[in-house]
Amino acid sequence: MTSENFGLKKFSHSVGQNWYHVILIPKGRFPIFRQKHQRELAVKAIDWICGRHNIEVFTKEIMDDHVHLFVSCPPDNSIRKLIQLIKGGSSYYIRKNHLPLKKYDALWSRGYMYRSVGSVSAKVVEHYINHSNQWINSKQKKLV
């Protein structure tokens, strides 16, 4: 991750960051990424789908029976939409390029795990909110 990725992103009407740690599990937790070419195919699939939808991938780790992603998504996508795009697009790409998997109805299990990731802790945010009235500019008047 570079230092330019670490800050807030500016959009047309907002500023912020949506960082998530996501874990995806194949259907039945079957170890489909055990072989090297299957892992490489999963990496290509994730890069392909994330590139198409402006989802920035900071890092990824393909394990035998699950995938870890650290991603940043655009503010107009919910976490549910983010997961839907990644799972649907990567399933399409992997099953299209690895024919033995095409016979299965689904590549990924229905569930997923996600956790939001921030550059500050909850205590820092709480302190900022609780003490925000102390940082009013001298030109501004304090609201009563």
Protein backbone atom coordinates (compact mmCIF):
# COMPACT_ATOMS: atom_id res chain seq x y z
CA MET A 1 0.00 0.00 0.00
CA THR A 2 1.44 3.35 -0.96
CA SER A 3 1.19 6.55 1.06
CA GLU A 4 -1.14 8.09 -1.53
CA ASN A 5 -3.64 5.28 -0.94
CA PHE A 6 -3.54 5.85 2.81
CA GLY A 7 -5.37 9.18 2.88
CA LEU A 8 -8.91 10.30 2.27
CA LYS A 9 -10.25 10.17 -1.27
CA LYS A 10 -12.07 13.11 -2.83
CA PHE A 11 -15.20 12.49 -4.87
CA SER A 12 -17.53 14.97 -6.58
CA HIS A 13 -19.58 15.72 -3.45
CA SER A 14 -17.80 13.92 -0.64
CA VAL A 15 -14.52 13.04 1.00
CA GLY A 16 -13.86 9.78 2.80
CA GLN A 17 -12.61 6.23 2.73
CA ASN A 18 -14.34 2.86 2.51
CA TRP A 19 -11.77 0.22 3.41
CA TYR A 20 -12.81 -3.37 4.03
CA HIS A 21 -11.19 -6.64 4.97
CA VAL A 22 -13.23 -9.28 3.12
CA ILE A 23 -13.06 -13.07 3.38
CA LEU A 24 -14.73 -15.22 0.70
CA ILE A 25 -15.19 -18.98 0.99
CA PRO A 26 -15.78 -21.43 -1.88
CA LYS A 27 -18.96 -23.51 -1.82
CA GLY A 28 -18.57 -26.32 0.70
CA ARG A 29 -15.20 -24.85 1.72
CA PHE A 30 -13.69 -27.07 -0.94
CA PRO A 31 -9.94 -26.33 -1.42
CA ILE A 32 -10.24 -25.28 -5.06
CA PHE A 33 -7.22 -22.95 -4.93
CA ARG A 34 -4.76 -25.64 -3.86
CA GLN A 35 -2.95 -25.76 -7.21
CA LYS A 36 -0.79 -22.89 -8.43
CA HIS A 37 -2.64 -22.29 -11.73
CA GLN A 38 -5.96 -22.08 -9.86
CA ARG A 39 -4.54 -19.48 -7.49
CA GLU A 40 -3.19 -17.47 -10.40
CA LEU A 41 -6.57 -17.67 -12.09
CA ALA A 42 -8.25 -16.37 -8.90
CA VAL A 43 -5.78 -13.46 -8.73
CA LYS A 44 -6.50 -12.56 -12.37
CA ALA A 45 -10.25 -12.84 -11.79
CA ILE A 46 -10.20 -10.55 -8.76
CA ASP A 47 -7.97 -8.00 -10.50
CA TRP A 48 -10.20 -8.10 -13.60
CA ILE A 49 -13.49 -7.56 -11.78
CA CYS A 50 -12.13 -4.97 -9.36
CA GLY A 51 -10.57 -3.02 -12.22
CA ARG A 52 -13.90 -2.93 -14.05
CA HIS A 53 -15.75 -1.49 -11.04
CA ASN A 54 -13.18 0.95 -9.56
CA ILE A 55 -12.59 -1.26 -6.54
CA GLU A 56 -9.05 -0.67 -5.34
CA VAL A 57 -7.29 -3.80 -4.10
CA PHE A 58 -4.55 -3.02 -1.57
CA THR A 59 -3.63 -6.65 -0.98
CA LYS A 60 -5.03 -10.13 -1.51
CA GLU A 61 -4.15 -13.60 -0.30
CA ILE A 62 -5.50 -16.71 -1.96
CA MET A 63 -5.52 -19.63 0.47
CA ASP A 64 -6.47 -23.23 -0.41
CA ASP A 65 -10.05 -22.87 0.83
CA HIS A 66 -10.66 -19.12 1.23
CA VAL A 67 -9.63 -15.69 -0.03
CA HIS A 68 -8.60 -12.59 1.96
CA LEU A 69 -8.99 -9.17 0.36
CA PHE A 70 -8.17 -5.68 1.60
CA VAL A 71 -10.12 -3.34 -0.66
CA SER A 72 -11.39 0.20 -1.01
CA CYS A 73 -14.74 0.64 -2.72
CA PRO A 74 -16.41 3.71 -4.21
CA PRO A 75 -18.92 5.45 -1.90
CA ASP A 76 -21.88 4.62 -4.13
CA ASN A 77 -21.42 0.88 -3.49
CA SER A 78 -22.70 -0.75 -0.33
CA ILE A 79 -20.75 -3.64 1.19
CA ARG A 80 -23.45 -5.98 -0.13
CA LYS A 81 -22.99 -4.63 -3.67
CA LEU A 82 -19.20 -4.82 -3.32
CA ILE A 83 -19.37 -8.51 -2.37
CA GLN A 84 -21.91 -9.21 -5.10
CA LEU A 85 -19.62 -7.68 -7.73
CA ILE A 86 -16.49 -9.50 -6.56
CA LYS A 87 -18.14 -12.91 -6.07
CA GLY A 88 -20.24 -12.78 -9.23
CA GLY A 89 -17.52 -11.44 -11.49
CA SER A 90 -14.76 -13.69 -10.18
CA SER A 91 -17.04 -16.75 -10.35
CA TYR A 92 -17.83 -15.96 -13.98
CA TYR A 93 -14.15 -15.43 -14.85
CA ILE A 94 -12.82 -18.49 -13.01
CA ARG A 95 -15.50 -20.87 -14.27
CA LYS A 96 -15.14 -19.58 -17.83
CA ASN A 97 -11.38 -20.23 -17.77
CA HIS A 98 -11.35 -23.44 -15.72
CA LEU A 99 -13.85 -25.80 -17.32
CA PRO A 100 -13.94 -28.48 -14.56
CA LEU A 101 -15.56 -25.88 -12.26
CA LYS A 102 -18.20 -24.92 -14.82
CA LYS A 103 -20.35 -27.95 -13.95
CA TYR A 104 -21.08 -26.59 -10.46
CA ASP A 105 -24.01 -24.25 -9.84
CA ALA A 106 -21.99 -21.83 -7.71
CA LEU A 107 -18.33 -21.20 -6.98
CA TRP A 108 -18.72 -19.21 -3.74
CA SER A 109 -20.71 -19.99 -0.61
CA ARG A 110 -23.63 -17.69 0.19
CA GLY A 111 -21.97 -16.10 3.20
CA TYR A 112 -18.99 -13.82 3.58
CA MET A 113 -17.10 -11.97 6.27
CA TYR A 114 -16.26 -8.30 6.17
CA ARG A 115 -14.85 -5.76 8.56
CA SER A 116 -14.42 -2.07 7.99
CA VAL A 117 -10.86 -0.87 8.39
CA GLY A 118 -9.90 2.69 9.27
CA SER A 119 -6.75 4.66 9.80
CA VAL A 120 -7.95 5.86 13.21
CA SER A 121 -9.35 4.00 16.17
CA ALA A 122 -12.86 4.35 17.57
CA LYS A 123 -11.43 6.16 20.62
CA VAL A 124 -9.85 8.83 18.41
CA VAL A 125 -13.18 9.46 16.64
CA GLU A 126 -15.05 9.57 19.94
CA HIS A 127 -12.50 12.07 21.34
CA TYR A 128 -12.76 14.22 18.20
CA ILE A 129 -16.57 14.36 18.40
CA ASN A 130 -16.67 15.01 22.15
CA HIS A 131 -14.15 17.85 21.92
CA SER A 132 -15.15 19.38 18.56
CA ASN A 133 -16.72 22.46 20.18
CA GLN A 134 -13.30 23.45 21.54
CA TRP A 135 -11.83 23.77 18.06
CA ILE A 136 -14.14 26.49 16.73
CA ASN A 137 -12.39 29.16 14.75
CA SER A 138 -12.14 32.53 16.45
CA LYS A 139 -14.06 34.11 13.54
CA GLN A 140 -17.00 31.78 14.06
CA LYS A 141 -19.47 32.12 16.88
CA LYS A 142 -20.27 29.17 19.07
CA LEU A 143 -23.84 27.98 18.58
CA VAL A 144 -25.92 27.94 21.73
